[in-house]
Amino acid sequence: MADTQTVGADWTLQVSDLRDAATGSYLNSATVTYVLYTGAGAAVSGGTGTLTYVSASNGTYRGTVESTVTSTLTAGAYYALVTVVQSGYDGLIRLDINAVAPGEALIDPQSWYEMTGVTVTGIDATTIARMCSAVSELIARKCYPVLLTPRTLTLWPVDAPVDRYLLLPRPVRSISALYYHGGAAGDSSVLDLTADLLVAGTDYQLVLDDVLTGTARAGKVLRLNNSVWGWNYLRPPQQLGYKLVPEPGAIFVSGAFGPATVNPAAQSAAAVAVSLMYNRRKEGAAYGSESWNGRSQSVAGPVSAEAAVNSPEVLGILQSAGLLSYHVA
């Protein structure tokens, strides 16, 4: 599972429950170092350091990638290779990181603390961070193509539809540039940034349909001087006639997408999901009933990130806010 970290902030790296493979005893006096890499495998300048043992933690080591290093990075995938050495024991652990621009995380430990009034430290703080990452990913995928956090796209390739309406990830706050190049197949390097540029109000119209936010909530862009955006001819096997299909990767769009700030309803739903997971973490399930003297109990079932996100409370918030692309009965 990839941890979500913010570009320009300190990144916390942690490995837990390190044990000797032969004896099962905890490795509490190891030398633990890390090297940070981009998703493509290039070492990050200054991205090296040490994870120190957390007192009385049983095999837990924690360290920080300073903001002076992360501020030079861009949003995207990274990973840290952690080396563990103790008394002849050598280990190598990979920690995956999903770096987001400031303000683009759906839920993180700090926002969870602020929304719940609960503050945790140590291994519990790491637990919350992992839960926030899992919940953010699942809710974002569940709601797509509705975006829940601000996104800036540059020359994003889109198929040209056989229709007057082009549908983009939504909401769309603004389009700074829109290009059409027949046969581009998603390759922006073939663009002529002058000849291929379409003009707003002449070649297309961003359909603003939400008076509350002044955005294109449905993500529609109307073609003004043509009947369709583009097409390809395709003859299906064993058929004599041709049919029209969208032209792949012929449109390139740059602009501001998603809400101006993290959607508050989505963040509220994410906080509820994280709380459901955190409050049931010790037993792995919620108590359905319990008696005190004699200690008997029944449980309501396990709560994973998937179960928490699909709970009635979370789905109800997302549906009421119009963030789901389907109806929940």
Protein backbone atom coordinates (compact mmCIF):
# COMPACT_ATOMS: atom_id res chain seq x y z
CA MET A 1 0.00 0.00 0.00
CA ALA A 2 1.40 3.40 -0.95
CA ASP A 3 1.47 6.13 1.68
CA THR A 4 0.16 9.51 0.58
CA GLN A 5 2.64 12.32 1.29
CA THR A 6 2.50 16.02 0.40
CA VAL A 7 5.10 17.70 -1.80
CA GLY A 8 6.99 20.33 0.20
CA ALA A 9 6.19 18.80 3.60
CA ASP A 10 8.26 16.49 5.79
CA TRP A 11 7.72 12.84 4.83
CA THR A 12 7.63 10.26 7.61
CA LEU A 13 9.10 6.84 6.78
CA GLN A 14 8.55 3.90 9.12
CA VAL A 15 9.14 0.18 9.21
CA SER A 16 7.55 -1.89 11.97
CA ASP A 17 7.75 -5.32 13.59
CA LEU A 18 11.26 -6.12 12.35
CA ARG A 19 12.26 -9.60 13.51
CA ASP A 20 15.06 -12.08 13.08
CA ALA A 21 13.85 -14.57 10.48
CA ALA A 22 15.38 -17.54 12.34
CA THR A 23 14.44 -16.82 15.96
CA GLY A 24 11.49 -14.45 15.67
CA SER A 25 13.10 -12.04 18.14
CA TYR A 26 12.71 -8.32 17.50
CA LEU A 27 15.51 -6.37 15.86
CA ASN A 28 15.81 -3.47 18.26
CA SER A 29 19.45 -2.49 17.65
CA ALA A 30 19.65 -2.51 13.86
CA THR A 31 21.17 0.08 11.58
CA VAL A 32 18.34 1.18 9.28
CA THR A 33 18.96 3.52 6.34
CA TYR A 34 16.94 4.59 3.32
CA VAL A 35 17.38 5.88 -0.21
CA LEU A 36 14.50 7.71 -1.93
CA TYR A 37 13.78 7.07 -5.63
CA THR A 38 11.37 8.38 -8.23
CA GLY A 39 8.84 5.95 -9.63
CA ALA A 40 11.16 5.50 -12.63
CA GLY A 41 14.02 4.41 -10.36
CA ALA A 42 16.16 7.58 -10.33
CA ALA A 43 17.69 8.48 -6.96
CA VAL A 44 16.30 11.70 -5.47
CA SER A 45 18.93 14.32 -4.70
CA GLY A 46 19.38 14.52 -0.93
CA GLY A 47 16.95 11.65 -0.42
CA THR A 48 19.05 9.53 1.94
CA GLY A 49 18.93 9.17 5.69
CA THR A 50 18.51 7.00 8.75
CA LEU A 51 15.50 5.54 10.52
CA THR A 52 15.98 5.48 14.30
CA TYR A 53 14.60 2.94 16.73
CA VAL A 54 11.37 3.96 18.47
CA SER A 55 11.86 3.32 22.17
CA ALA A 56 10.14 0.19 23.54
CA SER A 57 8.35 -0.37 20.23
CA ASN A 58 9.46 -3.91 19.33
CA GLY A 59 11.14 -3.56 15.96
CA THR A 60 9.85 -0.16 14.85
CA TYR A 61 12.11 2.43 13.21
CA ARG A 62 11.10 5.89 12.04
CA GLY A 63 12.73 8.74 10.14
CA THR A 64 11.97 11.90 8.20
CA VAL A 65 12.63 13.04 4.65
CA GLU A 66 13.01 16.77 5.18
CA SER A 67 10.87 19.33 3.37
CA THR A 68 14.04 20.79 1.83
CA VAL A 69 14.22 17.58 -0.21
CA THR A 70 10.53 17.06 -0.96
CA SER A 71 9.99 20.68 -2.01
CA THR A 72 12.08 20.00 -5.13
CA LEU A 73 9.81 17.11 -6.18
CA THR A 74 6.61 16.97 -8.19
CA ALA A 75 3.43 15.01 -7.58
CA GLY A 76 3.68 11.37 -8.59
CA ALA A 77 5.00 7.97 -7.54
CA TYR A 78 8.12 7.50 -5.42
CA TYR A 79 9.55 4.74 -3.30
CA ALA A 80 12.13 4.35 -0.54
CA LEU A 81 14.45 1.34 -0.32
CA VAL A 82 15.14 0.68 3.36
CA THR A 83 18.20 -1.37 4.34
CA VAL A 84 18.20 -3.19 7.69
CA VAL A 85 21.43 -4.59 9.18
CA GLN A 86 21.85 -6.21 12.60
CA SER A 87 24.22 -8.97 13.74
CA GLY A 88 24.51 -10.66 10.36
CA TYR A 89 20.87 -10.07 9.45
CA ASP A 90 20.41 -8.14 6.22
CA GLY A 91 17.02 -6.95 4.99
CA LEU A 92 15.72 -4.75 2.18
CA ILE A 93 12.23 -3.22 2.37
CA ARG A 94 10.44 -1.10 -0.23
CA LEU A 95 8.08 1.66 0.92
CA ASP A 96 5.85 3.05 -1.85
CA ILE A 97 4.84 6.72 -1.70
CA ASN A 98 2.16 8.62 -3.59
CA ALA A 99 3.19 12.29 -3.57
CA VAL A 100 0.44 14.86 -4.04
CA ALA A 101 0.53 18.61 -4.44
CA PRO A 102 -0.40 20.70 -1.37
CA GLY A 103 -4.16 20.67 -0.90
CA GLU A 104 -4.71 17.60 -3.10
CA ALA A 105 -4.92 14.93 -0.40
CA LEU A 106 -8.52 13.89 0.26
CA ILE A 107 -7.83 13.00 3.88
CA ASP A 108 -4.56 12.99 5.82
CA PRO A 109 -3.77 12.58 9.53
CA GLN A 110 -3.88 16.33 10.21
CA SER A 111 -7.29 16.82 8.60
CA TRP A 112 -8.57 13.71 10.42
CA TYR A 113 -7.39 15.16 13.74
CA GLU A 114 -9.15 18.45 13.00
CA MET A 115 -12.42 16.79 11.97
CA THR A 116 -12.58 14.29 14.86
CA GLY A 117 -10.92 16.21 17.67
CA VAL A 118 -8.69 13.17 18.26
CA THR A 119 -4.89 13.33 18.25
CA VAL A 120 -2.68 10.22 18.29
CA THR A 121 1.06 9.67 18.30
CA GLY A 122 3.59 6.92 17.68
CA ILE A 123 2.46 3.75 15.97
CA ASP A 124 -1.17 4.93 16.15
CA ALA A 125 -0.23 7.96 14.04
CA THR A 126 1.31 5.62 11.46
CA THR A 127 -1.85 3.54 11.52
CA ILE A 128 -3.96 6.61 10.81
CA ALA A 129 -1.66 7.62 7.94
CA ARG A 130 -2.00 4.19 6.31
CA MET A 131 -5.77 4.22 6.75
CA CYS A 132 -6.01 7.71 5.26
CA SER A 133 -4.07 6.55 2.19
CA ALA A 134 -6.29 3.52 1.65
CA VAL A 135 -9.55 5.39 2.17
CA SER A 136 -8.48 8.29 -0.08
CA GLU A 137 -7.64 5.93 -2.94
CA LEU A 138 -10.88 3.94 -2.68
CA ILE A 139 -13.18 6.95 -2.42
CA ALA A 140 -11.42 8.74 -5.29
CA ARG A 141 -11.83 5.67 -7.53
CA LYS A 142 -15.42 5.12 -6.44
CA CYS A 143 -16.40 8.68 -7.38
CA TYR A 144 -14.40 9.01 -10.63
CA PRO A 145 -14.90 10.70 -13.12
CA VAL A 146 -16.07 13.15 -10.45
CA LEU A 147 -12.88 14.64 -9.01
CA LEU A 148 -12.72 15.35 -5.28
CA THR A 149 -9.50 17.36 -5.11
CA PRO A 150 -7.99 20.14 -7.26
CA ARG A 151 -6.22 18.92 -10.40
CA THR A 152 -4.23 20.80 -13.01
CA LEU A 153 -3.95 18.94 -16.32
CA THR A 154 -1.49 19.85 -19.05
CA LEU A 155 -1.93 18.49 -22.61
CA TRP A 156 -4.06 15.65 -21.29
CA PRO A 157 -4.96 13.37 -24.23
CA VAL A 158 -8.64 12.59 -24.81
CA ASP A 159 -10.43 10.63 -27.54
CA ALA A 160 -12.38 12.85 -29.96
CA PRO A 161 -15.98 11.59 -29.75
CA VAL A 162 -18.42 11.16 -32.63
CA ASP A 163 -20.62 13.72 -30.90
CA ARG A 164 -20.89 17.48 -30.38
CA TYR A 165 -20.25 17.05 -26.66
CA LEU A 166 -16.85 16.16 -25.27
CA LEU A 167 -17.01 14.79 -21.71
CA LEU A 168 -14.07 15.54 -19.41
CA PRO A 169 -13.31 14.61 -15.79
CA ARG A 170 -15.54 16.87 -13.73
CA PRO A 171 -16.11 19.46 -12.53
CA VAL A 172 -14.17 21.65 -14.95
CA ARG A 173 -13.25 25.05 -13.50
CA SER A 174 -11.51 26.40 -16.56
CA ILE A 175 -9.80 25.39 -19.80
CA SER A 176 -6.58 27.23 -20.56
CA ALA A 177 -5.90 25.49 -23.90
CA LEU A 178 -7.62 22.94 -26.12
CA TYR A 179 -5.98 21.37 -29.17
CA TYR A 180 -7.18 19.03 -31.91
CA HIS A 181 -4.74 17.07 -34.08
CA GLY A 182 -6.08 14.29 -36.30
CA GLY A 183 -4.13 11.06 -35.99
CA ALA A 184 -2.20 12.17 -32.91
CA ALA A 185 -3.07 8.95 -31.03
CA GLY A 186 -2.29 10.60 -27.70
CA ASP A 187 1.19 11.83 -28.68
CA SER A 188 1.40 15.51 -27.73
CA SER A 189 4.80 15.90 -29.42
CA VAL A 190 3.09 16.02 -32.83
CA LEU A 191 1.04 19.09 -31.89
CA ASP A 192 1.43 22.37 -33.69
CA LEU A 193 0.68 24.69 -30.77
CA THR A 194 -0.50 27.41 -33.15
CA ALA A 195 -2.32 25.59 -35.96
CA ASP A 196 -3.96 22.98 -33.71
CA LEU A 197 -5.18 25.40 -31.05
CA LEU A 198 -8.96 25.72 -30.82
CA VAL A 199 -10.50 29.05 -29.83
CA ALA A 200 -12.98 29.32 -26.97
CA GLY A 201 -16.25 30.85 -28.12
CA THR A 202 -15.47 30.09 -31.76
CA ASP A 203 -14.49 26.43 -31.90
CA TYR A 204 -15.85 25.24 -28.56
CA GLN A 205 -17.84 26.25 -25.49
CA LEU A 206 -17.26 25.05 -21.94
CA VAL A 207 -20.81 24.46 -20.70
CA LEU A 208 -21.07 26.14 -17.29
CA ASP A 209 -24.03 24.46 -15.59
CA ASP A 210 -23.50 24.95 -11.86
CA VAL A 211 -24.50 28.42 -10.67
CA LEU A 212 -23.38 27.60 -7.12
CA THR A 213 -19.73 27.22 -8.11
CA GLY A 214 -19.60 28.72 -11.60
CA THR A 215 -18.12 25.53 -13.01
CA ALA A 216 -18.93 22.90 -15.62
CA ARG A 217 -20.25 20.34 -13.15
CA ALA A 218 -21.10 17.83 -15.91
CA GLY A 219 -17.73 18.32 -17.62
CA LYS A 220 -19.26 19.09 -21.03
CA VAL A 221 -17.46 20.91 -23.84
CA LEU A 222 -19.63 21.75 -26.90
CA ARG A 223 -18.16 21.77 -30.43
CA LEU A 224 -19.38 24.96 -32.11
CA ASN A 225 -18.27 24.89 -35.76
CA ASN A 226 -18.54 21.19 -36.53
CA SER A 227 -21.12 18.48 -36.12
CA VAL A 228 -18.75 16.19 -34.17
CA TRP A 229 -15.34 16.40 -32.52
CA GLY A 230 -13.76 13.65 -34.61
CA TRP A 231 -14.14 10.13 -35.94
CA ASN A 232 -12.46 7.08 -37.41
CA TYR A 233 -13.86 4.57 -39.87
CA LEU A 234 -13.95 0.99 -38.68
CA ARG A 235 -15.25 -2.10 -40.46
CA PRO A 236 -16.11 -4.88 -38.00
CA PRO A 237 -14.98 -8.41 -38.94
CA GLN A 238 -17.29 -10.25 -41.37
CA GLN A 239 -19.34 -7.14 -42.08
CA LEU A 240 -19.50 -5.20 -45.34
CA GLY A 241 -20.40 -1.82 -43.86
CA TYR A 242 -18.28 0.62 -41.92
CA LYS A 243 -19.12 2.40 -38.68
CA LEU A 244 -17.84 5.57 -37.09
CA VAL A 245 -15.81 5.34 -33.87
CA PRO A 246 -14.07 7.99 -31.71
CA GLU A 247 -10.68 9.19 -32.89
CA PRO A 248 -8.17 8.05 -30.26
CA GLY A 249 -6.10 10.68 -28.49
CA ALA A 250 -6.82 13.48 -30.97
CA ILE A 251 -7.73 16.12 -28.35
CA PHE A 252 -5.34 17.60 -25.80
CA VAL A 253 -6.66 19.71 -22.95
CA SER A 254 -4.99 21.91 -20.35
CA GLY A 255 -6.86 23.48 -17.48
CA ALA A 256 -8.11 23.42 -13.90
CA PHE A 257 -10.27 20.45 -12.92
CA GLY A 258 -11.99 19.30 -9.76
CA PRO A 259 -13.06 21.64 -6.94
CA ALA A 260 -10.97 24.67 -6.04
CA THR A 261 -10.26 23.05 -2.66
CA VAL A 262 -10.79 19.52 -1.37
CA ASN A 263 -14.50 18.72 -1.52
CA PRO A 264 -15.69 19.10 2.11
CA ALA A 265 -18.39 16.44 1.80
CA ALA A 266 -15.91 13.91 0.40
CA GLN A 267 -13.45 14.77 3.16
CA SER A 268 -16.19 14.27 5.76
CA ALA A 269 -17.02 10.87 4.27
CA ALA A 270 -13.33 9.93 4.30
CA ALA A 271 -13.01 10.95 7.95
CA VAL A 272 -15.97 8.74 8.87
CA ALA A 273 -14.42 5.79 7.00
CA VAL A 274 -11.04 6.25 8.71
CA SER A 275 -12.76 6.49 12.10
CA LEU A 276 -14.65 3.26 11.45
CA MET A 277 -11.40 1.47 10.67
CA TYR A 278 -9.43 3.01 13.53
CA ASN A 279 -12.05 2.39 16.22
CA ARG A 280 -12.23 -1.30 15.28
CA ARG A 281 -8.54 -1.89 14.70
CA LYS A 282 -7.70 -3.77 17.92
CA GLU A 283 -10.34 -6.47 17.72
CA GLY A 284 -10.65 -6.47 13.92
CA ALA A 285 -14.43 -6.18 14.27
CA ALA A 286 -17.04 -4.08 16.01
CA TYR A 287 -18.90 -5.34 19.07
CA GLY A 288 -22.54 -6.09 18.37
CA SER A 289 -23.20 -6.85 22.04
CA GLU A 290 -21.15 -7.34 25.18
CA SER A 291 -21.64 -8.38 28.79
CA TRP A 292 -19.28 -7.16 31.48
CA ASN A 293 -19.15 -9.85 34.19
CA GLY A 294 -17.92 -13.11 32.69
CA ARG A 295 -16.71 -11.33 29.55
CA SER A 296 -18.87 -12.52 26.66
CA GLN A 297 -19.24 -10.64 23.43
CA SER A 298 -20.44 -10.86 19.84
CA VAL A 299 -18.93 -9.05 16.92
CA ALA A 300 -20.48 -7.44 13.85
CA GLY A 301 -17.84 -8.42 11.30
CA PRO A 302 -14.45 -7.18 10.12
CA VAL A 303 -13.93 -3.64 8.84
CA SER A 304 -11.45 -3.25 6.00
CA ALA A 305 -10.96 -0.07 4.01
CA GLU A 306 -13.37 -1.44 1.40
CA ALA A 307 -16.01 -2.19 4.02
CA ALA A 308 -15.60 1.22 5.66
CA VAL A 309 -15.92 3.09 2.36
CA ASN A 310 -19.03 1.09 1.47
CA SER A 311 -20.70 1.63 4.85
CA PRO A 312 -24.13 3.30 4.74
CA GLU A 313 -22.80 6.41 6.49
CA VAL A 314 -20.03 7.00 3.96
CA LEU A 315 -22.08 6.15 0.88
CA GLY A 316 -24.92 8.33 2.14
CA ILE A 317 -22.66 11.37 2.39
CA LEU A 318 -21.18 10.81 -1.06
CA GLN A 319 -24.59 10.27 -2.66
CA SER A 320 -26.21 13.29 -0.98
CA ALA A 321 -23.34 15.48 -2.20
CA GLY A 322 -23.83 14.23 -5.78
CA LEU A 323 -20.35 12.71 -5.93
CA LEU A 324 -21.28 9.20 -7.04
CA SER A 325 -21.81 8.38 -10.71
CA TYR A 326 -24.43 5.77 -9.77
CA HIS A 327 -27.42 5.51 -7.46
CA VAL A 328 -27.21 3.79 -4.09
CA ALA A 329 -30.44 2.03 -3.15
